[in-house]
Amino acid sequence: MCNSPKKFATFSNGCCGDLIAVIRAPFLSNDNIAVGGGLPIWIDGIADTGCISTKGSTVAIGDQKGNVYVSDDTAHSWSRHADGLPSPSSVLVV
């Protein structure tokens, strides 16, 4: 597994889109890769920038429907750690 810095972003089908995908790419690259490995191809509602948090190899994403997904291996595999939470305004990995 490459330990180079990564960037994460979400893409949607509009400003209030219902189809949201999460991508991962090497920091100094435009080679975007759809994140999989247990994270749904389309997450449930918008995950704004404040709802993506990283620390070391851990990444967490919270979506508008109250799901929180966590990866401990730089987004290669994911698990859902929470669902049904109130719509988050931010996520923080500590």
C-alpha atoms as a PDB file:
ATOM      1  CA  MET A   1       0.000   0.000   0.000  1.00  0.00           C
ATOM      2  CA  CYS A   2       1.343   3.410  -0.953  1.00  0.00           C
ATOM      3  CA  ASN A   3       1.837   5.814   1.954  1.00  0.00           C
ATOM      4  CA  SER A   4       1.821   8.978  -0.156  1.00  0.00           C
ATOM      5  CA  PRO A   5      -0.618  11.727   0.919  1.00  0.00           C
ATOM      6  CA  LYS A   6      -4.142  11.361  -0.434  1.00  0.00           C
ATOM      7  CA  LYS A   7      -6.934  13.798  -1.148  1.00  0.00           C
ATOM      8  CA  PHE A   8     -10.614  12.965  -0.758  1.00  0.00           C
ATOM      9  CA  ALA A   9     -13.603  14.671  -2.307  1.00  0.00           C
ATOM     10  CA  THR A  10     -17.262  14.100  -3.075  1.00  0.00           C
ATOM     11  CA  PHE A  11     -19.031  14.611  -6.378  1.00  0.00           C
ATOM     12  CA  SER A  12     -22.778  14.928  -6.858  1.00  0.00           C
ATOM     13  CA  ASN A  13     -25.325  15.322  -9.620  1.00  0.00           C
ATOM     14  CA  GLY A  14     -26.095  18.900  -8.469  1.00  0.00           C
ATOM     15  CA  CYS A  15     -25.955  21.281  -5.513  1.00  0.00           C
ATOM     16  CA  CYS A  16     -28.793  19.379  -3.815  1.00  0.00           C
ATOM     17  CA  GLY A  17     -27.990  16.130  -5.568  1.00  0.00           C
ATOM     18  CA  ASP A  18     -29.133  12.745  -4.407  1.00  0.00           C
ATOM     19  CA  LEU A  19     -26.285  10.864  -6.114  1.00  0.00           C
ATOM     20  CA  ILE A  20     -23.023  11.458  -4.263  1.00  0.00           C
ATOM     21  CA  ALA A  21     -19.776   9.580  -4.907  1.00  0.00           C
ATOM     22  CA  VAL A  22     -16.554   9.721  -2.885  1.00  0.00           C
ATOM     23  CA  ILE A  23     -13.200   9.754  -4.696  1.00  0.00           C
ATOM     24  CA  ARG A  24      -9.600   9.314  -3.550  1.00  0.00           C
ATOM     25  CA  ALA A  25      -6.470  10.437  -5.394  1.00  0.00           C
ATOM     26  CA  PRO A  26      -2.778  10.904  -4.724  1.00  0.00           C
ATOM     27  CA  PHE A  27      -2.326  14.470  -3.490  1.00  0.00           C
ATOM     28  CA  LEU A  28      -0.408  15.796  -6.497  1.00  0.00           C
ATOM     29  CA  SER A  29      -2.401  13.911  -9.119  1.00  0.00           C
ATOM     30  CA  ASN A  30      -5.587  14.215 -11.129  1.00  0.00           C
ATOM     31  CA  ASP A  31      -6.039  10.424 -11.174  1.00  0.00           C
ATOM     32  CA  ASN A  32      -9.301  10.187  -9.234  1.00  0.00           C
ATOM     33  CA  ILE A  33     -10.382   6.755  -8.029  1.00  0.00           C
ATOM     34  CA  ALA A  34     -13.910   5.949  -6.906  1.00  0.00           C
ATOM     35  CA  VAL A  35     -13.751   4.758  -3.326  1.00  0.00           C
ATOM     36  CA  GLY A  36     -15.159   1.261  -2.729  1.00  0.00           C
ATOM     37  CA  GLY A  37     -14.154  -1.509  -0.361  1.00  0.00           C
ATOM     38  CA  GLY A  38     -17.365  -1.414   1.671  1.00  0.00           C
ATOM     39  CA  LEU A  39     -18.306   2.226   1.056  1.00  0.00           C
ATOM     40  CA  PRO A  40     -21.425   2.413  -1.147  1.00  0.00           C
ATOM     41  CA  ILE A  41     -20.825   3.682  -4.683  1.00  0.00           C
ATOM     42  CA  TRP A  42     -23.501   6.331  -3.952  1.00  0.00           C
ATOM     43  CA  ILE A  43     -23.735   7.559  -0.361  1.00  0.00           C
ATOM     44  CA  ASP A  44     -27.035   8.806   1.120  1.00  0.00           C
ATOM     45  CA  GLY A  45     -27.073  12.541   0.591  1.00  0.00           C
ATOM     46  CA  ILE A  46     -24.462  15.222   0.470  1.00  0.00           C
ATOM     47  CA  ALA A  47     -21.222  14.895   2.443  1.00  0.00           C
ATOM     48  CA  ASP A  48     -19.843  18.418   2.553  1.00  0.00           C
ATOM     49  CA  THR A  49     -16.130  19.097   3.029  1.00  0.00           C
ATOM     50  CA  GLY A  50     -16.592  19.364   6.802  1.00  0.00           C
ATOM     51  CA  CYS A  51     -18.030  15.847   6.808  1.00  0.00           C
ATOM     52  CA  ILE A  52     -14.770  14.286   5.601  1.00  0.00           C
ATOM     53  CA  SER A  53     -12.018  13.963   8.198  1.00  0.00           C
ATOM     54  CA  THR A  54      -8.617  12.283   8.177  1.00  0.00           C
ATOM     55  CA  LYS A  55      -5.862  11.555  10.667  1.00  0.00           C
ATOM     56  CA  GLY A  56      -2.969   9.338   9.683  1.00  0.00           C
ATOM     57  CA  SER A  57      -4.438   6.407   7.758  1.00  0.00           C
ATOM     58  CA  THR A  58      -7.933   6.880   9.252  1.00  0.00           C
ATOM     59  CA  VAL A  59     -10.678   8.508   7.173  1.00  0.00           C
ATOM     60  CA  ALA A  60     -14.269   9.197   8.275  1.00  0.00           C
ATOM     61  CA  ILE A  61     -17.196  10.409   6.161  1.00  0.00           C
ATOM     62  CA  GLY A  62     -20.634  11.421   7.400  1.00  0.00           C
ATOM     63  CA  ASP A  63     -23.500  11.770   4.957  1.00  0.00           C
ATOM     64  CA  GLN A  64     -26.727  13.768   5.090  1.00  0.00           C
ATOM     65  CA  LYS A  65     -28.777  10.721   6.096  1.00  0.00           C
ATOM     66  CA  GLY A  66     -26.751  10.221   9.292  1.00  0.00           C
ATOM     67  CA  ASN A  67     -24.454   7.409   8.189  1.00  0.00           C
ATOM     68  CA  VAL A  68     -20.817   7.518   9.320  1.00  0.00           C
ATOM     69  CA  TYR A  69     -18.307   5.410   7.405  1.00  0.00           C
ATOM     70  CA  VAL A  70     -14.761   4.818   8.663  1.00  0.00           C
ATOM     71  CA  SER A  71     -11.619   3.446   7.047  1.00  0.00           C
ATOM     72  CA  ASP A  72      -8.432   2.665   8.970  1.00  0.00           C
ATOM     73  CA  ASP A  73      -6.328   1.932   5.865  1.00  0.00           C
ATOM     74  CA  THR A  74      -6.387   5.148   3.838  1.00  0.00           C
ATOM     75  CA  ALA A  75      -9.769   4.372   2.260  1.00  0.00           C
ATOM     76  CA  HIS A  76      -9.031   0.917   0.897  1.00  0.00           C
ATOM     77  CA  SER A  77     -11.669  -0.758   3.075  1.00  0.00           C
ATOM     78  CA  TRP A  78     -14.640   0.772   4.910  1.00  0.00           C
ATOM     79  CA  SER A  79     -17.246  -0.068   7.516  1.00  0.00           C
ATOM     80  CA  ARG A  80     -20.343   1.799   8.612  1.00  0.00           C
ATOM     81  CA  HIS A  81     -19.879   2.811  12.251  1.00  0.00           C
ATOM     82  CA  ALA A  82     -23.198   4.631  12.706  1.00  0.00           C
ATOM     83  CA  ASP A  83     -26.530   5.152  10.988  1.00  0.00           C
ATOM     84  CA  GLY A  84     -29.650   7.174  11.665  1.00  0.00           C
ATOM     85  CA  LEU A  85     -27.786  10.056  13.334  1.00  0.00           C
ATOM     86  CA  PRO A  86     -29.088  13.598  12.909  1.00  0.00           C
ATOM     87  CA  SER A  87     -27.719  15.087   9.684  1.00  0.00           C
ATOM     88  CA  PRO A  88     -24.087  15.975  10.561  1.00  0.00           C
ATOM     89  CA  SER A  89     -22.518  19.362   9.904  1.00  0.00           C
ATOM     90  CA  SER A  90     -19.011  17.974  10.476  1.00  0.00           C
ATOM     91  CA  VAL A  91     -16.997  14.849  11.297  1.00  0.00           C
ATOM     92  CA  LEU A  92     -13.748  14.772  13.273  1.00  0.00           C
ATOM     93  CA  VAL A  93     -11.243  11.934  13.617  1.00  0.00           C
ATOM     94  CA  VAL A  94      -9.374  12.227  16.930  1.00  0.00           C
END
